[in-house]
C-alpha atoms as a PDB file:
ATOM      1  CA  UNK A   1     -13.958  29.696  -3.217  1.00  0.00           C
ATOM      2  CA  UNK A   2     -15.141  26.301  -2.031  1.00  0.00           C
ATOM      3  CA  UNK A   3     -13.175  23.206  -3.062  1.00  0.00           C
ATOM      4  CA  UNK A   4     -14.649  19.784  -2.269  1.00  0.00           C
ATOM      5  CA  UNK A   5     -13.389  16.231  -2.732  1.00  0.00           C
ATOM      6  CA  UNK A   6     -15.690  13.211  -2.396  1.00  0.00           C
ATOM      7  CA  UNK A   7     -15.368   9.494  -3.096  1.00  0.00           C
ATOM      8  CA  UNK A   8     -18.856   8.560  -4.286  1.00  0.00           C
ATOM      9  CA  UNK A   9     -18.509   4.758  -4.182  1.00  0.00           C
ATOM     10  CA  UNK A  10     -20.353   4.684  -7.510  1.00  0.00           C
ATOM     11  CA  UNK A  11     -21.940   7.749  -9.083  1.00  0.00           C
ATOM     12  CA  UNK A  12     -25.052   5.941 -10.304  1.00  0.00           C
ATOM     13  CA  UNK A  13     -25.900   4.747  -6.790  1.00  0.00           C
ATOM     14  CA  UNK A  14     -25.017   8.183  -5.406  1.00  0.00           C
ATOM     15  CA  UNK A  15     -27.474   9.849  -7.783  1.00  0.00           C
ATOM     16  CA  UNK A  16     -30.232   7.515  -6.568  1.00  0.00           C
ATOM     17  CA  UNK A  17     -29.342   8.347  -2.953  1.00  0.00           C
ATOM     18  CA  UNK A  18     -29.635  12.111  -3.356  1.00  0.00           C
ATOM     19  CA  UNK A  19     -26.255  13.288  -4.675  1.00  0.00           C
ATOM     20  CA  UNK A  20     -27.780  16.297  -6.453  1.00  0.00           C
ATOM     21  CA  UNK A  21     -29.396  17.600  -3.273  1.00  0.00           C
ATOM     22  CA  UNK A  22     -26.130  17.282  -1.343  1.00  0.00           C
ATOM     23  CA  UNK A  23     -24.190  19.097  -4.062  1.00  0.00           C
ATOM     24  CA  UNK A  24     -26.724  21.924  -3.868  1.00  0.00           C
ATOM     25  CA  UNK A  25     -26.354  22.067  -0.086  1.00  0.00           C
ATOM     26  CA  UNK A  26     -22.551  21.974  -0.131  1.00  0.00           C
ATOM     27  CA  UNK A  27     -22.455  24.541  -2.960  1.00  0.00           C
ATOM     28  CA  UNK A  28     -18.924  23.831  -4.219  1.00  0.00           C
ATOM     29  CA  UNK A  29     -17.150  25.939  -6.793  1.00  0.00           C
ATOM     30  CA  UNK A  30     -15.005  22.940  -7.731  1.00  0.00           C
ATOM     31  CA  UNK A  31     -16.008  19.365  -6.921  1.00  0.00           C
ATOM     32  CA  UNK A  32     -13.533  16.513  -7.336  1.00  0.00           C
ATOM     33  CA  UNK A  33     -15.102  13.053  -7.382  1.00  0.00           C
ATOM     34  CA  UNK A  34     -13.466   9.640  -7.060  1.00  0.00           C
ATOM     35  CA  UNK A  35     -14.620   6.063  -7.593  1.00  0.00           C
ATOM     36  CA  UNK A  36     -17.306   7.143 -10.032  1.00  0.00           C
ATOM     37  CA  UNK A  37     -17.373   3.578 -11.421  1.00  0.00           C
ATOM     38  CA  UNK A  38     -19.132   4.468 -14.662  1.00  0.00           C
ATOM     39  CA  UNK A  39     -18.507   5.463 -18.245  1.00  0.00           C
ATOM     40  CA  UNK A  40     -20.244   8.651 -19.422  1.00  0.00           C
ATOM     41  CA  UNK A  41     -22.714   6.621 -21.485  1.00  0.00           C
ATOM     42  CA  UNK A  42     -23.697   4.630 -18.375  1.00  0.00           C
ATOM     43  CA  UNK A  43     -25.051   7.652 -16.521  1.00  0.00           C
ATOM     44  CA  UNK A  44     -28.844   7.892 -16.239  1.00  0.00           C
ATOM     45  CA  UNK A  45     -30.314   9.136 -19.503  1.00  0.00           C
ATOM     46  CA  UNK A  46     -32.676  11.588 -17.789  1.00  0.00           C
ATOM     47  CA  UNK A  47     -30.040  12.988 -15.400  1.00  0.00           C
ATOM     48  CA  UNK A  48     -28.113  16.255 -15.759  1.00  0.00           C
ATOM     49  CA  UNK A  49     -25.162  17.157 -13.563  1.00  0.00           C
ATOM     50  CA  UNK A  50     -25.993  19.826 -10.957  1.00  0.00           C
ATOM     51  CA  UNK A  51     -22.828  21.684 -11.997  1.00  0.00           C
ATOM     52  CA  UNK A  52     -22.479  23.124 -15.514  1.00  0.00           C
ATOM     53  CA  UNK A  53     -18.902  22.112 -16.381  1.00  0.00           C
ATOM     54  CA  UNK A  54     -17.909  18.461 -16.011  1.00  0.00           C
ATOM     55  CA  UNK A  55     -15.113  16.143 -17.103  1.00  0.00           C
ATOM     56  CA  UNK A  56     -14.885  12.398 -16.515  1.00  0.00           C
ATOM     57  CA  UNK A  57     -11.766  10.234 -16.544  1.00  0.00           C
ATOM     58  CA  UNK A  58     -13.237   6.743 -16.199  1.00  0.00           C
ATOM     59  CA  UNK A  59     -11.419   3.445 -15.930  1.00  0.00           C
ATOM     60  CA  UNK A  60     -11.395   1.230 -18.982  1.00  0.00           C
ATOM     61  CA  UNK A  61     -13.001  -1.512 -16.891  1.00  0.00           C
ATOM     62  CA  UNK A  62     -16.727  -0.881 -16.501  1.00  0.00           C
ATOM     63  CA  UNK A  63     -17.994  -0.358 -12.971  1.00  0.00           C
ATOM     64  CA  UNK A  64     -14.518   0.267 -11.568  1.00  0.00           C
ATOM     65  CA  UNK A  65     -12.515   3.200 -10.217  1.00  0.00           C
ATOM     66  CA  UNK A  66     -12.493   6.470 -12.228  1.00  0.00           C
ATOM     67  CA  UNK A  67     -12.518  10.161 -11.304  1.00  0.00           C
ATOM     68  CA  UNK A  68     -14.482  13.211 -12.404  1.00  0.00           C
ATOM     69  CA  UNK A  69     -14.110  16.964 -11.951  1.00  0.00           C
ATOM     70  CA  UNK A  70     -17.075  19.336 -11.854  1.00  0.00           C
ATOM     71  CA  UNK A  71     -16.979  23.139 -11.680  1.00  0.00           C
ATOM     72  CA  UNK A  72     -19.208  26.198 -11.730  1.00  0.00           C
ATOM     73  CA  UNK A  73     -16.805  27.856 -14.148  1.00  0.00           C
ATOM     74  CA  UNK A  74     -15.157  26.495 -17.262  1.00  0.00           C
ATOM     75  CA  UNK A  75     -11.725  24.931 -16.841  1.00  0.00           C
ATOM     76  CA  UNK A  76      -8.929  23.335 -18.834  1.00  0.00           C
ATOM     77  CA  UNK A  77      -7.843  19.715 -18.853  1.00  0.00           C
ATOM     78  CA  UNK A  78      -4.079  19.526 -18.305  1.00  0.00           C
ATOM     79  CA  UNK A  79      -3.447  15.800 -18.199  1.00  0.00           C
ATOM     80  CA  UNK A  80      -4.437  12.319 -17.095  1.00  0.00           C
ATOM     81  CA  UNK A  81      -2.404   9.811 -15.135  1.00  0.00           C
ATOM     82  CA  UNK A  82       0.933  10.297 -13.437  1.00  0.00           C
ATOM     83  CA  UNK A  83       2.991   9.701 -16.590  1.00  0.00           C
ATOM     84  CA  UNK A  84       5.064   6.760 -15.401  1.00  0.00           C
ATOM     85  CA  UNK A  85       5.813   3.342 -16.840  1.00  0.00           C
ATOM     86  CA  UNK A  86       3.664   1.783 -14.115  1.00  0.00           C
ATOM     87  CA  UNK A  87       0.443   2.617 -15.979  1.00  0.00           C
ATOM     88  CA  UNK A  88       1.296   5.259 -18.531  1.00  0.00           C
ATOM     89  CA  UNK A  89      -2.212   5.449 -19.972  1.00  0.00           C
ATOM     90  CA  UNK A  90      -3.850   5.441 -16.505  1.00  0.00           C
ATOM     91  CA  UNK A  91      -6.269   2.721 -17.540  1.00  0.00           C
ATOM     92  CA  UNK A  92      -7.760   2.682 -14.037  1.00  0.00           C
ATOM     93  CA  UNK A  93      -8.698   6.382 -14.169  1.00  0.00           C
ATOM     94  CA  UNK A  94      -6.798   7.520 -11.087  1.00  0.00           C
ATOM     95  CA  UNK A  95      -5.483  11.019 -11.790  1.00  0.00           C
ATOM     96  CA  UNK A  96      -7.026  14.010 -13.546  1.00  0.00           C
ATOM     97  CA  UNK A  97      -5.181  17.354 -13.640  1.00  0.00           C
ATOM     98  CA  UNK A  98      -7.325  20.419 -14.351  1.00  0.00           C
ATOM     99  CA  UNK A  99      -6.633  24.154 -14.344  1.00  0.00           C
ATOM    100  CA  UNK A 100      -9.200  26.589 -12.960  1.00  0.00           C
ATOM    101  CA  UNK A 101      -8.349  30.243 -13.623  1.00  0.00           C
ATOM    102  CA  UNK A 102      -4.963  30.211 -11.899  1.00  0.00           C
ATOM    103  CA  UNK A 103      -5.494  27.143  -9.695  1.00  0.00           C
ATOM    104  CA  UNK A 104      -4.308  23.599 -10.412  1.00  0.00           C
ATOM    105  CA  UNK A 105      -6.401  20.681  -9.117  1.00  0.00           C
ATOM    106  CA  UNK A 106      -4.961  17.156  -9.026  1.00  0.00           C
ATOM    107  CA  UNK A 107      -7.904  14.779  -8.624  1.00  0.00           C
ATOM    108  CA  UNK A 108      -6.474  11.512  -7.287  1.00  0.00           C
ATOM    109  CA  UNK A 109      -7.876   8.085  -6.431  1.00  0.00           C
ATOM    110  CA  UNK A 110      -4.948   6.126  -5.054  1.00  0.00           C
ATOM    111  CA  UNK A 111      -5.210   2.324  -5.368  1.00  0.00           C
ATOM    112  CA  UNK A 112      -6.292   0.153  -2.470  1.00  0.00           C
ATOM    113  CA  UNK A 113      -4.182  -2.766  -1.328  1.00  0.00           C
ATOM    114  CA  UNK A 114      -6.870  -4.500   0.696  1.00  0.00           C
ATOM    115  CA  UNK A 115      -7.569  -7.293  -1.803  1.00  0.00           C
ATOM    116  CA  UNK A 116      -4.185  -9.004  -1.428  1.00  0.00           C
ATOM    117  CA  UNK A 117      -0.416  -8.851  -1.747  1.00  0.00           C
ATOM    118  CA  UNK A 118      -0.390  -8.195  -5.498  1.00  0.00           C
ATOM    119  CA  UNK A 119      -2.559  -5.106  -5.211  1.00  0.00           C
ATOM    120  CA  UNK A 120      -0.655  -3.920  -2.138  1.00  0.00           C
ATOM    121  CA  UNK A 121       2.562  -4.071  -4.144  1.00  0.00           C
ATOM    122  CA  UNK A 122       0.873  -2.203  -6.993  1.00  0.00           C
ATOM    123  CA  UNK A 123      -0.407   0.391  -4.520  1.00  0.00           C
ATOM    124  CA  UNK A 124       3.021   1.003  -3.019  1.00  0.00           C
ATOM    125  CA  UNK A 125       4.661   1.292  -6.439  1.00  0.00           C
ATOM    126  CA  UNK A 126       1.949   3.769  -7.449  1.00  0.00           C
ATOM    127  CA  UNK A 127       2.549   5.748  -4.252  1.00  0.00           C
ATOM    128  CA  UNK A 128       6.275   6.001  -4.969  1.00  0.00           C
ATOM    129  CA  UNK A 129       5.567   7.184  -8.500  1.00  0.00           C
ATOM    130  CA  UNK A 130       3.009   9.716  -7.269  1.00  0.00           C
ATOM    131  CA  UNK A 131       5.478  11.141  -4.762  1.00  0.00           C
ATOM    132  CA  UNK A 132       7.980  11.923  -7.502  1.00  0.00           C
ATOM    133  CA  UNK A 133       5.423  12.993 -10.087  1.00  0.00           C
ATOM    134  CA  UNK A 134       3.800  15.454  -7.666  1.00  0.00           C
ATOM    135  CA  UNK A 135       7.059  16.971  -6.413  1.00  0.00           C
ATOM    136  CA  UNK A 136       7.424  19.652  -9.157  1.00  0.00           C
ATOM    137  CA  UNK A 137       3.949  20.986  -8.335  1.00  0.00           C
ATOM    138  CA  UNK A 138       5.165  21.969  -4.854  1.00  0.00           C
ATOM    139  CA  UNK A 139       7.539  24.468  -6.479  1.00  0.00           C
ATOM    140  CA  UNK A 140       4.972  26.251  -8.650  1.00  0.00           C
ATOM    141  CA  UNK A 141       4.143  29.868  -7.879  1.00  0.00           C
ATOM    142  CA  UNK A 142       0.467  29.134  -8.586  1.00  0.00           C
ATOM    143  CA  UNK A 143      -1.753  27.334  -6.028  1.00  0.00           C
ATOM    144  CA  UNK A 144      -1.924  23.562  -6.483  1.00  0.00           C
ATOM    145  CA  UNK A 145      -4.312  21.285  -4.600  1.00  0.00           C
ATOM    146  CA  UNK A 146      -3.745  17.523  -4.494  1.00  0.00           C
ATOM    147  CA  UNK A 147      -7.135  16.110  -3.562  1.00  0.00           C
ATOM    148  CA  UNK A 148      -8.903  12.810  -3.262  1.00  0.00           C
ATOM    149  CA  UNK A 149      -9.005   9.388  -1.714  1.00  0.00           C
ATOM    150  CA  UNK A 150      -5.376   8.574  -0.892  1.00  0.00           C
ATOM    151  CA  UNK A 151      -6.297   5.307   0.864  1.00  0.00           C
ATOM    152  CA  UNK A 152      -3.910   5.985   3.765  1.00  0.00           C
ATOM    153  CA  UNK A 153      -4.707   7.097   7.307  1.00  0.00           C
ATOM    154  CA  UNK A 154      -1.660   9.186   8.104  1.00  0.00           C
ATOM    155  CA  UNK A 155      -1.489   9.256  11.908  1.00  0.00           C
ATOM    156  CA  UNK A 156      -3.194   7.642  14.884  1.00  0.00           C
ATOM    157  CA  UNK A 157      -5.497  10.668  15.000  1.00  0.00           C
ATOM    158  CA  UNK A 158      -6.767   9.656  11.549  1.00  0.00           C
ATOM    159  CA  UNK A 159      -8.115   6.235  12.533  1.00  0.00           C
ATOM    160  CA  UNK A 160     -10.455   5.128  15.293  1.00  0.00           C
ATOM    161  CA  UNK A 161      -8.577   1.954  16.211  1.00  0.00           C
ATOM    162  CA  UNK A 162      -4.876   2.344  15.400  1.00  0.00           C
ATOM    163  CA  UNK A 163      -3.741  -0.582  17.560  1.00  0.00           C
ATOM    164  CA  UNK A 164      -6.039  -3.072  15.872  1.00  0.00           C
ATOM    165  CA  UNK A 165      -5.164  -1.894  12.356  1.00  0.00           C
ATOM    166  CA  UNK A 166      -1.365  -1.733  12.386  1.00  0.00           C
ATOM    167  CA  UNK A 167      -1.253  -4.674   9.975  1.00  0.00           C
ATOM    168  CA  UNK A 168      -4.107  -3.445   7.774  1.00  0.00           C
ATOM    169  CA  UNK A 169      -3.610  -1.956   4.325  1.00  0.00           C
ATOM    170  CA  UNK A 170      -4.135   1.764   4.609  1.00  0.00           C
ATOM    171  CA  UNK A 171      -2.393   1.997   7.982  1.00  0.00           C
ATOM    172  CA  UNK A 172       0.776   0.010   7.375  1.00  0.00           C
ATOM    173  CA  UNK A 173       4.029   1.553   8.695  1.00  0.00           C
ATOM    174  CA  UNK A 174       5.472   1.978   5.212  1.00  0.00           C
ATOM    175  CA  UNK A 175       2.294   3.703   4.003  1.00  0.00           C
ATOM    176  CA  UNK A 176       2.345   6.158   6.894  1.00  0.00           C
ATOM    177  CA  UNK A 177       6.053   6.804   6.319  1.00  0.00           C
ATOM    178  CA  UNK A 178       5.240   7.526   2.675  1.00  0.00           C
ATOM    179  CA  UNK A 179       2.697  10.106   3.792  1.00  0.00           C
ATOM    180  CA  UNK A 180       5.361  11.712   5.963  1.00  0.00           C
ATOM    181  CA  UNK A 181       7.589  11.994   2.897  1.00  0.00           C
ATOM    182  CA  UNK A 182       4.717  13.418   0.853  1.00  0.00           C
ATOM    183  CA  UNK A 183       4.207  16.248   3.354  1.00  0.00           C
ATOM    184  CA  UNK A 184       7.943  16.775   3.725  1.00  0.00           C
ATOM    185  CA  UNK A 185       8.198  17.225  -0.039  1.00  0.00           C
ATOM    186  CA  UNK A 186       6.141  20.408   0.228  1.00  0.00           C
ATOM    187  CA  UNK A 187       2.450  19.568   0.698  1.00  0.00           C
ATOM    188  CA  UNK A 188       0.241  20.760   3.578  1.00  0.00           C
ATOM    189  CA  UNK A 189      -2.752  18.844   4.970  1.00  0.00           C
ATOM    190  CA  UNK A 190      -5.419  21.569   5.036  1.00  0.00           C
ATOM    191  CA  UNK A 191      -8.016  19.775   7.154  1.00  0.00           C
ATOM    192  CA  UNK A 192      -5.523  18.924   9.887  1.00  0.00           C
ATOM    193  CA  UNK A 193      -4.234  22.499   9.852  1.00  0.00           C
ATOM    194  CA  UNK A 194      -7.805  23.770  10.205  1.00  0.00           C
ATOM    195  CA  UNK A 195      -9.078  21.447  12.951  1.00  0.00           C
ATOM    196  CA  UNK A 196      -5.812  20.888  14.830  1.00  0.00           C
ATOM    197  CA  UNK A 197      -4.698  17.712  16.617  1.00  0.00           C
ATOM    198  CA  UNK A 198      -7.143  15.169  18.000  1.00  0.00           C
ATOM    199  CA  UNK A 199      -9.070  12.105  16.897  1.00  0.00           C
ATOM    200  CA  UNK A 200     -10.831  12.567  13.584  1.00  0.00           C
ATOM    201  CA  UNK A 201     -12.749  13.861  11.856  1.00  0.00           C
ATOM    202  CA  UNK A 202     -13.053  10.729   9.736  1.00  0.00           C
ATOM    203  CA  UNK A 203     -14.017  10.538   6.089  1.00  0.00           C
ATOM    204  CA  UNK A 204     -14.676   6.804   5.564  1.00  0.00           C
ATOM    205  CA  UNK A 205     -16.501   4.178   7.591  1.00  0.00           C
ATOM    206  CA  UNK A 206     -16.752   0.434   7.186  1.00  0.00           C
ATOM    207  CA  UNK A 207     -20.205  -1.027   6.687  1.00  0.00           C
ATOM    208  CA  UNK A 208     -19.358  -3.710   9.234  1.00  0.00           C
ATOM    209  CA  UNK A 209     -20.608  -3.635  12.781  1.00  0.00           C
ATOM    210  CA  UNK A 210     -21.729  -0.196  13.912  1.00  0.00           C
ATOM    211  CA  UNK A 211     -18.724   1.715  12.591  1.00  0.00           C
ATOM    212  CA  UNK A 212     -20.793   4.298  10.767  1.00  0.00           C
ATOM    213  CA  UNK A 213     -23.321   4.860  13.524  1.00  0.00           C
ATOM    214  CA  UNK A 214     -20.611   5.114  16.212  1.00  0.00           C
ATOM    215  CA  UNK A 215     -18.270   7.230  14.057  1.00  0.00           C
ATOM    216  CA  UNK A 216     -15.479   4.672  14.182  1.00  0.00           C
ATOM    217  CA  UNK A 217     -13.826   5.540  10.919  1.00  0.00           C
ATOM    218  CA  UNK A 218     -10.692   6.404   9.007  1.00  0.00           C
ATOM    219  CA  UNK A 219      -9.553   9.691   7.508  1.00  0.00           C
ATOM    220  CA  UNK A 220      -8.276   8.705   4.063  1.00  0.00           C
ATOM    221  CA  UNK A 221      -9.661  11.584   1.952  1.00  0.00           C
ATOM    222  CA  UNK A 222      -7.510  14.704   1.786  1.00  0.00           C
ATOM    223  CA  UNK A 223      -7.030  18.152   0.310  1.00  0.00           C
ATOM    224  CA  UNK A 224      -3.311  18.936   0.267  1.00  0.00           C
ATOM    225  CA  UNK A 225      -1.862  22.261  -0.864  1.00  0.00           C
ATOM    226  CA  UNK A 226       1.509  23.436  -2.104  1.00  0.00           C
ATOM    227  CA  UNK A 227       3.248  26.463  -0.569  1.00  0.00           C
ATOM    228  CA  UNK A 228       1.354  28.851  -2.835  1.00  0.00           C
ATOM    229  CA  UNK A 229      -2.010  27.293  -1.988  1.00  0.00           C
ATOM    230  CA  UNK A 230      -1.768  26.710   1.788  1.00  0.00           C
ATOM    231  CA  UNK A 231      -2.009  30.433   2.788  1.00  0.00           C
ATOM    232  CA  UNK A 232      -5.372  30.636   1.017  1.00  0.00           C
ATOM    233  CA  UNK A 233      -6.999  28.339   3.607  1.00  0.00           C
ATOM    234  CA  UNK A 234      -9.911  29.842   5.515  1.00  0.00           C
ATOM    235  CA  UNK A 235     -11.513  26.728   7.003  1.00  0.00           C
ATOM    236  CA  UNK A 236     -11.916  23.005   6.346  1.00  0.00           C
ATOM    237  CA  UNK A 237     -14.448  20.412   7.437  1.00  0.00           C
ATOM    238  CA  UNK A 238     -15.926  16.983   6.768  1.00  0.00           C
ATOM    239  CA  UNK A 239     -19.636  16.631   6.070  1.00  0.00           C
ATOM    240  CA  UNK A 240     -20.264  13.321   7.821  1.00  0.00           C
ATOM    241  CA  UNK A 241     -23.939  13.267   6.880  1.00  0.00           C
ATOM    242  CA  UNK A 242     -23.020  12.946   3.225  1.00  0.00           C
ATOM    243  CA  UNK A 243     -21.002   9.858   4.030  1.00  0.00           C
ATOM    244  CA  UNK A 244     -23.899   8.292   5.864  1.00  0.00           C
ATOM    245  CA  UNK A 245     -26.469   8.902   3.121  1.00  0.00           C
ATOM    246  CA  UNK A 246     -24.849   9.054  -0.315  1.00  0.00           C
ATOM    247  CA  UNK A 247     -21.586   7.110   0.021  1.00  0.00           C
ATOM    248  CA  UNK A 248     -19.398   5.318   2.554  1.00  0.00           C
ATOM    249  CA  UNK A 249     -17.074   8.342   2.249  1.00  0.00           C
ATOM    250  CA  UNK A 250     -17.889  11.888   3.349  1.00  0.00           C
ATOM    251  CA  UNK A 251     -17.144  15.038   1.359  1.00  0.00           C
ATOM    252  CA  UNK A 252     -14.104  16.989   2.540  1.00  0.00           C
ATOM    253  CA  UNK A 253     -14.735  20.732   2.212  1.00  0.00           C
ATOM    254  CA  UNK A 254     -12.166  23.517   2.089  1.00  0.00           C
ATOM    255  CA  UNK A 255     -12.973  27.218   1.836  1.00  0.00           C
ATOM    256  CA  UNK A 256     -10.241  29.301   0.217  1.00  0.00           C
ATOM    257  CA  UNK A 257      -9.598  33.015   0.124  1.00  0.00           C
ATOM    258  CA  UNK A 258      -9.750  33.273  -3.659  1.00  0.00           C
END
C-alpha cells in the first residue's frame, strides 16, 4: 500500500499546475493533502478528483489552511480537530482522522509561527495539545500514521542551513525539543528510518534566492507511525519534482507491507 502526504499550497493552483498528472504518476492508495485553501464549492466546476473517494476539512476562512483525504477505497471519517479548548471546532481545518480498513490516518497541518509572536505562541500551544491528543494512538494495536506538514525541521539533517536558522520559526530549540518528545512518546519517523542519517531529503523550499534550484530546503513534512505501523515500512522517499512544479512542498511517499 502506498501512503502519500503533500502540502499543495492551494489546491486550485495545484490543479492548474498539473496535480492530476502527478497523482496518476505517484499512484497513491491514500493521499493526505494539506493547505488546500478552498471550500468544496470553490473547486473548478469542470474538475473531478483523480481518486474516487474524497473528504475535505476546510478552514472556515476562505483561501486559508484546510486538509483533505483522498483514497482509492472507501473509508470512514473518525473525527476532526484535536478536541482541545484551544480550538475545539478546528475552525482552521488542521486535523482530519480517517479509518481505512484497519489503518488510522491522522492528516495534520500544524500552524506556522512565521508571521509573528502571536502566531508562534498559538503554534506552540497547538503543538503541546497535539502531543497529548496523539499519545493514545501510540498504544493502539492497529497501525496509525500521523502525517502532514508539521512545520518543524527536527534535526540539523532536516534543514540546509541550520546555523543561519536557529532563531527562525520552524527550527527554534523549543520546537525541536517538542519533536524529540513526540518521537519519545511512541512515534517513528518513517522517512528518516528509510533513508538513514545525512542531509535531507527536503520537502519544502523557499521561493527566495535559488533555494529551490539548489535544493536548499527544509524537511517539515512527515509520515510518523505508531509501534503497530512502523514494522510495515518497506521504503520511503520524497518526490522533489512535485515540489518544483505543483507546490512549494514535495510529496512524501511511503510504501507499506499491507
